[in-house]
Amino acid sequence: MREAPTWRIPLGILALLAALALYGTAIALLLVPLIARWPALVQLPVYIVLGVVWLLPLRRFLVWMETGRWR
């Protein structure tokens, strides 16, 4: 249990927001022009996968924010 404030939480939140902004911008600039002409039902699974992929490293990142360890 954490007893004192730590710099990791505000830094982690800022890093997470920056990473999500970069990820979203990269998807919007690089991928959307490639799949914009695809039928909507073909685009749907692509956007679902892209919307979930960013969650994969999130658990370890949140553990680091809370404990200072990656595992």
Protein backbone atom coordinates (compact mmCIF):
# COMPACT_ATOMS: atom_id res chain seq x y z
CA MET A 1 0.00 0.00 0.00
CA ARG A 2 1.34 3.40 -0.98
CA GLU A 3 1.70 5.81 1.93
CA ALA A 4 3.27 8.81 0.23
CA PRO A 5 2.41 10.59 -3.02
CA THR A 6 4.44 9.53 -6.01
CA TRP A 7 5.38 11.28 -9.23
CA ARG A 8 4.58 8.16 -11.29
CA ILE A 9 0.80 8.65 -11.29
CA PRO A 10 0.60 12.18 -12.75
CA LEU A 11 3.49 11.40 -15.10
CA GLY A 12 1.81 8.16 -16.12
CA ILE A 13 -1.50 9.87 -16.84
CA LEU A 14 0.22 12.50 -18.98
CA ALA A 15 2.21 9.81 -20.80
CA LEU A 16 -0.95 7.76 -21.37
CA LEU A 17 -2.81 10.77 -22.79
CA ALA A 18 0.14 11.64 -25.04
CA ALA A 19 0.45 8.04 -26.26
CA LEU A 20 -3.28 7.81 -26.99
CA ALA A 21 -3.16 11.11 -28.89
CA LEU A 22 -0.22 9.87 -30.96
CA TYR A 23 -1.90 6.52 -31.57
CA GLY A 24 -5.17 8.15 -32.64
CA THR A 25 -3.37 10.63 -34.87
CA ALA A 26 -1.31 7.88 -36.49
CA ILE A 27 -4.43 5.81 -37.17
CA ALA A 28 -6.28 8.84 -38.56
CA LEU A 29 -3.43 9.92 -40.81
CA LEU A 30 -2.05 6.58 -41.96
CA LEU A 31 -4.80 4.00 -41.90
CA VAL A 32 -8.04 5.86 -42.55
CA PRO A 33 -7.05 6.91 -46.09
CA LEU A 34 -6.30 3.27 -46.89
CA ILE A 35 -9.59 1.82 -45.68
CA ALA A 36 -11.96 4.75 -46.29
CA ARG A 37 -13.32 3.24 -49.49
CA TRP A 38 -13.91 -0.20 -48.02
CA PRO A 39 -17.49 -1.20 -47.24
CA ALA A 40 -18.59 -0.29 -43.72
CA LEU A 41 -18.98 -3.92 -42.67
CA VAL A 42 -15.36 -4.59 -43.64
CA GLN A 43 -14.14 -1.47 -41.84
CA LEU A 44 -15.98 -2.39 -38.64
CA PRO A 45 -13.70 -5.27 -37.52
CA VAL A 46 -10.62 -3.18 -38.35
CA TYR A 47 -11.79 -0.35 -36.11
CA ILE A 48 -12.80 -2.78 -33.36
CA VAL A 49 -9.32 -4.33 -33.39
CA LEU A 50 -7.65 -0.91 -33.43
CA GLY A 51 -9.86 0.21 -30.57
CA VAL A 52 -8.81 -2.76 -28.44
CA VAL A 53 -5.11 -3.02 -29.37
CA TRP A 54 -4.10 -0.02 -27.26
CA LEU A 55 -5.45 -1.82 -24.18
CA LEU A 56 -2.89 -4.64 -24.40
CA PRO A 57 0.06 -2.80 -22.73
CA LEU A 58 -2.24 -0.87 -20.38
CA ARG A 59 -2.22 -3.36 -17.48
CA ARG A 60 1.55 -3.33 -17.09
CA PHE A 61 1.59 0.43 -17.42
CA LEU A 62 -1.00 0.82 -14.66
CA VAL A 63 0.95 -1.60 -12.45
CA TRP A 64 4.06 0.53 -12.98
CA MET A 65 2.13 3.68 -12.09
CA GLU A 66 0.96 2.13 -8.83
CA THR A 67 4.01 0.11 -7.73
CA GLY A 68 7.02 1.28 -9.73
CA ARG A 69 7.55 -2.24 -11.11
CA TRP A 70 6.66 -3.51 -14.58
CA ARG A 71 5.59 -6.98 -13.36
